[in-house]
Structures are given as structure tokens and as C-alpha cells.
PDB file of N, CA and C in Angstrom:
ATOM      1  N   MET A   1       0.830  -1.151   0.152  1.00  0.00           N
ATOM      2  CA  MET A   1      -0.074   0.002   0.065  1.00  0.00           C
ATOM      3  C   MET A   1       0.806   1.264   0.004  1.00  0.00           C
ATOM      4  N   ILE A   2       0.545   1.955  -0.943  1.00  0.00           N
ATOM      5  CA  ILE A   2       1.435   3.627  -0.984  1.00  0.00           C
ATOM      6  C   ILE A   2       0.512   4.537  -0.110  1.00  0.00           C
ATOM      7  N   ARG A   3       1.295   5.187   0.703  1.00  0.00           N
ATOM      8  CA  ARG A   3       0.595   6.288   1.502  1.00  0.00           C
ATOM      9  C   ARG A   3       1.058   7.577   0.815  1.00  0.00           C
ATOM     10  N   PHE A   4       0.212   8.394   0.809  1.00  0.00           N
ATOM     11  CA  PHE A   4       0.542  10.007   0.350  1.00  0.00           C
ATOM     12  C   PHE A   4       0.058  10.629   1.631  1.00  0.00           C
ATOM     13  N   PHE A   5       1.047  11.774   1.927  1.00  0.00           N
ATOM     14  CA  PHE A   5       0.298  12.783   3.016  1.00  0.00           C
ATOM     15  C   PHE A   5       0.636  14.191   2.567  1.00  0.00           C
ATOM     16  N   ILE A   6      -0.305  14.810   3.077  1.00  0.00           N
ATOM     17  CA  ILE A   6      -0.126  16.246   2.800  1.00  0.00           C
ATOM     18  C   ILE A   6       0.655  17.159   3.826  1.00  0.00           C
ATOM     19  N   ILE A   7       1.456  17.917   3.426  1.00  0.00           N
ATOM     20  CA  ILE A   7       2.187  18.896   4.549  1.00  0.00           C
ATOM     21  C   ILE A   7       2.145  20.353   4.177  1.00  0.00           C
ATOM     22  N   LEU A   8       1.821  21.001   5.217  1.00  0.00           N
ATOM     23  CA  LEU A   8       1.577  22.597   5.115  1.00  0.00           C
ATOM     24  C   LEU A   8       2.513  23.155   5.933  1.00  0.00           C
ATOM     25  N   VAL A   9       3.559  23.994   5.240  1.00  0.00           N
ATOM     26  CA  VAL A   9       4.712  24.625   5.852  1.00  0.00           C
ATOM     27  C   VAL A   9       4.733  25.994   5.498  1.00  0.00           C
ATOM     28  N   PHE A  10       5.370  26.898   6.418  1.00  0.00           N
ATOM     29  CA  PHE A  10       5.260  28.211   6.042  1.00  0.00           C
ATOM     30  C   PHE A  10       6.635  28.936   6.082  1.00  0.00           C
ATOM     31  N   CYS A  11       6.957  29.647   5.129  1.00  0.00           N
ATOM     32  CA  CYS A  11       8.380  30.317   5.003  1.00  0.00           C
ATOM     33  C   CYS A  11       8.284  31.650   5.637  1.00  0.00           C
ATOM     34  N   VAL A  12       8.899  31.899   6.647  1.00  0.00           N
ATOM     35  CA  VAL A  12       8.905  33.194   7.375  1.00  0.00           C
ATOM     36  C   VAL A  12      10.077  34.120   7.470  1.00  0.00           C
ATOM     37  N   VAL A  13      10.164  35.359   7.207  1.00  0.00           N
ATOM     38  CA  VAL A  13      11.401  36.255   7.213  1.00  0.00           C
ATOM     39  C   VAL A  13      11.000  37.145   8.530  1.00  0.00           C
ATOM     40  N   PRO A  14      11.623  36.847   9.721  1.00  0.00           N
ATOM     41  CA  PRO A  14      11.143  37.650  10.852  1.00  0.00           C
ATOM     42  C   PRO A  14      11.867  38.860  10.638  1.00  0.00           C
ATOM     43  N   ILE A  15      11.200  39.872  11.296  1.00  0.00           N
ATOM     44  CA  ILE A  15      12.058  41.099  11.278  1.00  0.00           C
ATOM     45  C   ILE A  15      12.581  41.423  12.720  1.00  0.00           C
ATOM     46  N   ILE A  16      13.886  41.307  13.150  1.00  0.00           N
ATOM     47  CA  ILE A  16      14.314  41.178  14.263  1.00  0.00           C
ATOM     48  C   ILE A  16      14.795  42.680  14.616  1.00  0.00           C
ATOM     49  N   ALA A  17      14.504  42.883  15.980  1.00  0.00           N
ATOM     50  CA  ALA A  17      14.804  44.105  16.555  1.00  0.00           C
ATOM     51  C   ALA A  17      15.860  43.609  17.688  1.00  0.00           C
ATOM     52  N   THR A  18      16.904  44.309  17.836  1.00  0.00           N
ATOM     53  CA  THR A  18      17.908  44.106  18.948  1.00  0.00           C
ATOM     54  C   THR A  18      17.752  45.134  19.993  1.00  0.00           C
ATOM     55  N   SER A  19      18.010  45.157  21.327  1.00  0.00           N
ATOM     56  CA  SER A  19      18.022  45.826  22.352  1.00  0.00           C
ATOM     57  C   SER A  19      19.241  45.789  23.171  1.00  0.00           C
ATOM     58  N   LYS A  20      19.974  46.947  23.368  1.00  0.00           N
ATOM     59  CA  LYS A  20      20.971  47.123  24.385  1.00  0.00           C
ATOM     60  C   LYS A  20      20.536  47.628  25.643  1.00  0.00           C
ATOM     61  N   SER A  21      19.313  47.940  25.755  1.00  0.00           N
ATOM     62  CA  SER A  21      18.917  48.784  27.070  1.00  0.00           C
ATOM     63  C   SER A  21      17.583  48.618  27.169  1.00  0.00           C
ATOM     64  N   THR A  22      16.978  48.780  28.299  1.00  0.00           N
ATOM     65  CA  THR A  22      15.614  48.531  28.514  1.00  0.00           C
ATOM     66  C   THR A  22      14.876  49.744  28.590  1.00  0.00           C
ATOM     67  N   GLN A  23      15.638  50.880  28.112  1.00  0.00           N
ATOM     68  CA  GLN A  23      14.767  52.267  28.036  1.00  0.00           C
ATOM     69  C   GLN A  23      14.344  52.320  26.554  1.00  0.00           C
ATOM     70  N   LEU A  24      13.163  52.678  26.360  1.00  0.00           N
ATOM     71  CA  LEU A  24      12.505  52.983  24.986  1.00  0.00           C
ATOM     72  C   LEU A  24      13.520  53.764  24.132  1.00  0.00           C
ATOM     73  N   GLU A  25      13.863  54.894  24.861  1.00  0.00           N
ATOM     74  CA  GLU A  25      14.517  55.798  23.905  1.00  0.00           C
ATOM     75  C   GLU A  25      15.990  55.170  23.385  1.00  0.00           C
ATOM     76  N   ASP A  26      16.469  54.083  24.092  1.00  0.00           N
ATOM     77  CA  ASP A  26      17.782  53.625  23.797  1.00  0.00           C
ATOM     78  C   ASP A  26      17.776  52.295  23.004  1.00  0.00           C
ATOM     79  N   LEU A  27      16.520  51.906  22.586  1.00  0.00           N
ATOM     80  CA  LEU A  27      16.544  50.746  21.790  1.00  0.00           C
ATOM     81  C   LEU A  27      16.974  50.849  20.412  1.00  0.00           C
ATOM     82  N   ASP A  28      17.744  49.745  19.982  1.00  0.00           N
ATOM     83  CA  ASP A  28      18.434  49.716  18.791  1.00  0.00           C
ATOM     84  C   ASP A  28      17.836  48.817  17.660  1.00  0.00           C
ATOM     85  N   PHE A  29      16.821  49.431  16.867  1.00  0.00           N
ATOM     86  CA  PHE A  29      16.214  48.464  15.990  1.00  0.00           C
ATOM     87  C   PHE A  29      17.107  48.484  14.787  1.00  0.00           C
ATOM     88  N   THR A  30      16.922  47.315  14.052  1.00  0.00           N
ATOM     89  CA  THR A  30      17.576  47.134  12.713  1.00  0.00           C
ATOM     90  C   THR A  30      16.910  48.091  11.657  1.00  0.00           C
ATOM     91  N   ASP A  31      17.675  48.483  10.927  1.00  0.00           N
ATOM     92  CA  ASP A  31      17.306  49.427   9.823  1.00  0.00           C
ATOM     93  C   ASP A  31      16.871  48.727   8.729  1.00  0.00           C
ATOM     94  N   HIS A  32      15.487  49.052   8.367  1.00  0.00           N
ATOM     95  CA  HIS A  32      14.840  48.490   7.077  1.00  0.00           C
ATOM     96  C   HIS A  32      14.109  49.737   6.373  1.00  0.00           C
ATOM     97  N   SER A  33      15.276  50.851   6.186  1.00  0.00           N
ATOM     98  CA  SER A  33      14.849  51.819   5.550  1.00  0.00           C
ATOM     99  C   SER A  33      14.615  51.779   3.901  1.00  0.00           C
ATOM    100  N   ASN A  34      15.263  50.536   3.578  1.00  0.00           N
ATOM    101  CA  ASN A  34      15.041  50.243   2.138  1.00  0.00           C
ATOM    102  C   ASN A  34      13.640  49.180   1.819  1.00  0.00           C
ATOM    103  N   GLY A  35      12.950  49.121   2.937  1.00  0.00           N
ATOM    104  CA  GLY A  35      11.733  48.212   2.842  1.00  0.00           C
ATOM    105  C   GLY A  35      12.045  46.972   3.891  1.00  0.00           C
ATOM    106  N   SER A  36      10.759  46.399   4.187  1.00  0.00           N
ATOM    107  CA  SER A  36      10.882  45.139   4.916  1.00  0.00           C
ATOM    108  C   SER A  36      11.362  44.064   4.044  1.00  0.00           C
ATOM    109  N   PRO A  37      12.007  43.039   4.741  1.00  0.00           N
ATOM    110  CA  PRO A  37      12.395  41.996   3.811  1.00  0.00           C
ATOM    111  C   PRO A  37      11.121  41.288   2.857  1.00  0.00           C
ATOM    112  N   LYS A  38      11.406  40.801   1.698  1.00  0.00           N
ATOM    113  CA  LYS A  38      10.464  40.329   0.761  1.00  0.00           C
ATOM    114  C   LYS A  38      10.798  38.799   0.508  1.00  0.00           C
ATOM    115  N   ILE A  39       9.909  37.898   0.414  1.00  0.00           N
ATOM    116  CA  ILE A  39       9.824  36.718  -0.027  1.00  0.00           C
ATOM    117  C   ILE A  39       9.788  36.602  -1.577  1.00  0.00           C
ATOM    118  N   GLY A  40      10.826  36.433  -2.298  1.00  0.00           N
ATOM    119  CA  GLY A  40      10.678  36.597  -3.654  1.00  0.00           C
ATOM    120  C   GLY A  40       9.950  35.421  -4.267  1.00  0.00           C
ATOM    121  N   ARG A  41      10.524  34.062  -4.075  1.00  0.00           N
ATOM    122  CA  ARG A  41      10.259  32.800  -4.765  1.00  0.00           C
ATOM    123  C   ARG A  41      10.206  31.849  -3.649  1.00  0.00           C
ATOM    124  N   SER A  42       9.198  30.874  -3.757  1.00  0.00           N
ATOM    125  CA  SER A  42       9.059  29.617  -2.675  1.00  0.00           C
ATOM    126  C   SER A  42       8.493  28.602  -3.136  1.00  0.00           C
ATOM    127  N   SER A  43       8.696  27.584  -2.445  1.00  0.00           N
ATOM    128  CA  SER A  43       7.966  26.476  -2.853  1.00  0.00           C
ATOM    129  C   SER A  43       6.542  26.456  -2.707  1.00  0.00           C
ATOM    130  N   TYR A  44       5.703  25.796  -3.239  1.00  0.00           N
ATOM    131  CA  TYR A  44       4.160  25.842  -3.167  1.00  0.00           C
ATOM    132  C   TYR A  44       4.062  25.142  -1.695  1.00  0.00           C
ATOM    133  N   PHE A  45       3.395  25.790  -0.711  1.00  0.00           N
ATOM    134  CA  PHE A  45       3.421  25.491   0.624  1.00  0.00           C
ATOM    135  C   PHE A  45       2.692  24.116   0.991  1.00  0.00           C
ATOM    136  N   LYS A  46       1.609  23.903   0.148  1.00  0.00           N
ATOM    137  CA  LYS A  46       1.064  22.793   0.541  1.00  0.00           C
ATOM    138  C   LYS A  46       1.501  21.753  -0.455  1.00  0.00           C
ATOM    139  N   GLN A  47       2.174  20.626   0.048  1.00  0.00           N
ATOM    140  CA  GLN A  47       2.802  19.517  -0.530  1.00  0.00           C
ATOM    141  C   GLN A  47       2.231  18.297  -0.381  1.00  0.00           C
ATOM    142  N   ASP A  48       2.189  17.302  -1.391  1.00  0.00           N
ATOM    143  CA  ASP A  48       1.679  16.021  -1.250  1.00  0.00           C
ATOM    144  C   ASP A  48       3.037  15.181  -1.381  1.00  0.00           C
ATOM    145  N   PHE A  49       3.306  14.293  -0.601  1.00  0.00           N
ATOM    146  CA  PHE A  49       4.565  13.464  -0.531  1.00  0.00           C
ATOM    147  C   PHE A  49       4.333  12.258  -0.043  1.00  0.00           C
ATOM    148  N   ARG A  50       5.120  11.219  -0.419  1.00  0.00           N
ATOM    149  CA  ARG A  50       5.162   9.710  -0.239  1.00  0.00           C
ATOM    150  C   ARG A  50       5.966   9.539   1.132  1.00  0.00           C
ATOM    151  N   LEU A  51       5.373   8.813   2.062  1.00  0.00           N
ATOM    152  CA  LEU A  51       6.035   8.597   3.194  1.00  0.00           C
ATOM    153  C   LEU A  51       7.454   7.946   2.990  1.00  0.00           C
ATOM    154  N   GLY A  52       8.402   8.283   3.604  1.00  0.00           N
ATOM    155  CA  GLY A  52       9.807   7.685   3.320  1.00  0.00           C
ATOM    156  C   GLY A  52      10.472   8.190   2.333  1.00  0.00           C
ATOM    157  N   TYR A  53      10.057   9.369   1.605  1.00  0.00           N
ATOM    158  CA  TYR A  53      10.707  10.053   0.475  1.00  0.00           C
ATOM    159  C   TYR A  53      11.053  11.319   1.126  1.00  0.00           C
ATOM    160  N   LYS A  54      12.192  12.160   0.480  1.00  0.00           N
ATOM    161  CA  LYS A  54      12.567  13.410   0.867  1.00  0.00           C
ATOM    162  C   LYS A  54      11.802  14.385   0.262  1.00  0.00           C
ATOM    163  N   LEU A  55      11.585  15.352   1.039  1.00  0.00           N
ATOM    164  CA  LEU A  55      10.823  16.610   0.566  1.00  0.00           C
ATOM    165  C   LEU A  55      11.498  17.652   0.528  1.00  0.00           C
ATOM    166  N   LYS A  56      11.754  18.297  -0.597  1.00  0.00           N
ATOM    167  CA  LYS A  56      12.755  19.504  -0.763  1.00  0.00           C
ATOM    168  C   LYS A  56      11.852  20.755  -0.839  1.00  0.00           C
ATOM    169  N   LEU A  57      12.132  21.752  -0.024  1.00  0.00           N
ATOM    170  CA  LEU A  57      11.479  23.069  -0.026  1.00  0.00           C
ATOM    171  C   LEU A  57      12.546  24.100  -0.341  1.00  0.00           C
ATOM    172  N   PHE A  58      12.222  25.290  -1.034  1.00  0.00           N
ATOM    173  CA  PHE A  58      13.104  26.321  -1.163  1.00  0.00           C
ATOM    174  C   PHE A  58      12.370  27.578  -0.863  1.00  0.00           C
ATOM    175  N   CYS A  59      12.956  28.847  -0.629  1.00  0.00           N
ATOM    176  CA  CYS A  59      12.533  29.864  -0.436  1.00  0.00           C
ATOM    177  C   CYS A  59      13.648  31.065  -0.559  1.00  0.00           C
ATOM    178  N   GLU A  60      13.262  32.001  -1.277  1.00  0.00           N
ATOM    179  CA  GLU A  60      14.330  33.003  -1.566  1.00  0.00           C
ATOM    180  C   GLU A  60      13.673  34.414  -1.066  1.00  0.00           C
ATOM    181  N   ALA A  61      14.559  35.091  -0.289  1.00  0.00           N
ATOM    182  CA  ALA A  61      14.184  36.354   0.347  1.00  0.00           C
ATOM    183  C   ALA A  61      15.248  37.406   0.125  1.00  0.00           C
ATOM    184  N   SER A  62      14.912  38.575  -0.108  1.00  0.00           N
ATOM    185  CA  SER A  62      15.766  39.798   0.000  1.00  0.00           C
ATOM    186  C   SER A  62      15.446  40.905   0.835  1.00  0.00           C
ATOM    187  N   GLY A  63      16.458  41.630   1.047  1.00  0.00           N
ATOM    188  CA  GLY A  63      16.390  42.694   2.182  1.00  0.00           C
ATOM    189  C   GLY A  63      17.756  43.056   2.606  1.00  0.00           C
ATOM    190  N   THR A  64      17.844  44.288   3.309  1.00  0.00           N
ATOM    191  CA  THR A  64      19.058  44.760   3.873  1.00  0.00           C
ATOM    192  C   THR A  64      18.802  45.018   5.315  1.00  0.00           C
ATOM    193  N   PRO A  65      19.133  44.464   6.237  1.00  0.00           N
ATOM    194  CA  PRO A  65      20.287  43.533   6.355  1.00  0.00           C
ATOM    195  C   PRO A  65      19.566  42.253   5.782  1.00  0.00           C
ATOM    196  N   ARG A  66      20.577  41.274   5.311  1.00  0.00           N
ATOM    197  CA  ARG A  66      20.189  39.960   4.718  1.00  0.00           C
ATOM    198  C   ARG A  66      19.230  39.237   5.545  1.00  0.00           C
ATOM    199  N   PRO A  67      17.937  38.758   5.070  1.00  0.00           N
ATOM    200  CA  PRO A  67      17.049  38.233   6.258  1.00  0.00           C
ATOM    201  C   PRO A  67      17.466  36.693   6.265  1.00  0.00           C
ATOM    202  N   ARG A  68      17.048  36.327   7.626  1.00  0.00           N
ATOM    203  CA  ARG A  68      17.086  34.851   7.908  1.00  0.00           C
ATOM    204  C   ARG A  68      15.829  34.245   7.682  1.00  0.00           C
ATOM    205  N   ILE A  69      15.813  33.229   6.889  1.00  0.00           N
ATOM    206  CA  ILE A  69      14.622  32.399   6.644  1.00  0.00           C
ATOM    207  C   ILE A  69      14.203  31.234   7.720  1.00  0.00           C
ATOM    208  N   VAL A  70      13.043  31.315   8.067  1.00  0.00           N
ATOM    209  CA  VAL A  70      12.668  30.186   9.053  1.00  0.00           C
ATOM    210  C   VAL A  70      11.667  29.397   8.820  1.00  0.00           C
ATOM    211  N   TRP A  71      11.517  28.082   8.732  1.00  0.00           N
ATOM    212  CA  TRP A  71      10.335  27.365   8.419  1.00  0.00           C
ATOM    213  C   TRP A  71       9.644  26.846   9.679  1.00  0.00           C
ATOM    214  N   TYR A  72       8.433  26.824   9.366  1.00  0.00           N
ATOM    215  CA  TYR A  72       7.321  26.301  10.567  1.00  0.00           C
ATOM    216  C   TYR A  72       6.389  25.195   9.976  1.00  0.00           C
ATOM    217  N   HIS A  73       5.973  24.155  10.667  1.00  0.00           N
ATOM    218  CA  HIS A  73       5.117  23.138  10.372  1.00  0.00           C
ATOM    219  C   HIS A  73       4.305  22.954  11.776  1.00  0.00           C
ATOM    220  N   ARG A  74       2.975  23.268  11.580  1.00  0.00           N
ATOM    221  CA  ARG A  74       2.147  23.168  12.702  1.00  0.00           C
ATOM    222  C   ARG A  74       2.495  23.856  13.853  1.00  0.00           C
ATOM    223  N   GLY A  75       2.923  24.999  13.674  1.00  0.00           N
ATOM    224  CA  GLY A  75       3.320  26.106  14.609  1.00  0.00           C
ATOM    225  C   GLY A  75       4.842  25.905  15.091  1.00  0.00           C
ATOM    226  N   VAL A  76       5.490  24.736  14.789  1.00  0.00           N
ATOM    227  CA  VAL A  76       6.752  24.580  15.460  1.00  0.00           C
ATOM    228  C   VAL A  76       7.862  24.796  14.417  1.00  0.00           C
ATOM    229  N   GLU A  77       9.035  25.427  14.705  1.00  0.00           N
ATOM    230  CA  GLU A  77      10.126  25.749  13.725  1.00  0.00           C
ATOM    231  C   GLU A  77      10.611  24.420  13.220  1.00  0.00           C
ATOM    232  N   VAL A  78      10.744  24.121  11.978  1.00  0.00           N
ATOM    233  CA  VAL A  78      11.414  23.145  11.423  1.00  0.00           C
ATOM    234  C   VAL A  78      13.096  23.314  11.546  1.00  0.00           C
ATOM    235  N   ASN A  79      13.657  22.234  11.948  1.00  0.00           N
ATOM    236  CA  ASN A  79      15.186  22.453  12.270  1.00  0.00           C
ATOM    237  C   ASN A  79      15.698  21.755  10.915  1.00  0.00           C
ATOM    238  N   PRO A  80      16.311  22.583  10.064  1.00  0.00           N
ATOM    239  CA  PRO A  80      16.928  21.757   8.811  1.00  0.00           C
ATOM    240  C   PRO A  80      18.067  21.001   9.145  1.00  0.00           C
ATOM    241  N   ASP A  81      18.634  21.011  10.193  1.00  0.00           N
ATOM    242  CA  ASP A  81      19.660  20.073  10.401  1.00  0.00           C
ATOM    243  C   ASP A  81      19.266  18.564  10.677  1.00  0.00           C
ATOM    244  N   HIS A  82      18.013  18.362  11.025  1.00  0.00           N
ATOM    245  CA  HIS A  82      17.417  16.956  11.351  1.00  0.00           C
ATOM    246  C   HIS A  82      16.377  16.615  10.313  1.00  0.00           C
ATOM    247  N   ASN A  83      16.278  15.225  10.032  1.00  0.00           N
ATOM    248  CA  ASN A  83      15.575  14.730   9.104  1.00  0.00           C
ATOM    249  C   ASN A  83      14.074  14.784   9.365  1.00  0.00           C
ATOM    250  N   ARG A  84      13.844  15.017  10.704  1.00  0.00           N
ATOM    251  CA  ARG A  84      12.323  14.944  10.838  1.00  0.00           C
ATOM    252  C   ARG A  84      11.978  16.210  12.011  1.00  0.00           C
ATOM    253  N   THR A  85      10.904  16.700  11.868  1.00  0.00           N
ATOM    254  CA  THR A  85      10.389  17.707  12.727  1.00  0.00           C
ATOM    255  C   THR A  85       9.518  17.208  13.804  1.00  0.00           C
TER     256      THR A  85
END
């Protein structure tokens, strides 16, 4: 019997703010004067796949500073260093 599963994942580009102080006027936010990070191309997020096979996903994003791409499945961050979530 062949089993097919549907997986729904999200590609997220978080906007990160850094703080060196607890004082509001001293907060050091990342400069996004060139606009917020943008996701240019990505995998179709609702994927059918066969159990036991690899699923490859891609996401391209641009911005200054360079965005960090994070994947989520069922509300949990996917760790790309592991074969499973």
C-alpha cells in the first residue's frame, strides 16, 4: 500500500529588533529603510509527498540586512539539521 501525506509549511522572514537597553529611547532597531524583507520565490506550501521520501522546499528572500529564513510546520520551527520535525 502506498501512502500519501499532505504537509503544510510556512516560510517566514522575521523582522528582528535588537536591544542594548531596557529604556525605550535607547532601543537599537534593525534599519529597514530600504523596505521590509520580501519573499521572492518559494515552494508551493501545500505539498503531497510519499512517506519515506525526501521533500525539498526552497525560499528566496531579499532585504537589507540579509534576512534569515525560518520554516514552520504546525506552529513549530522546522530544524533543517534534522531529518524529522
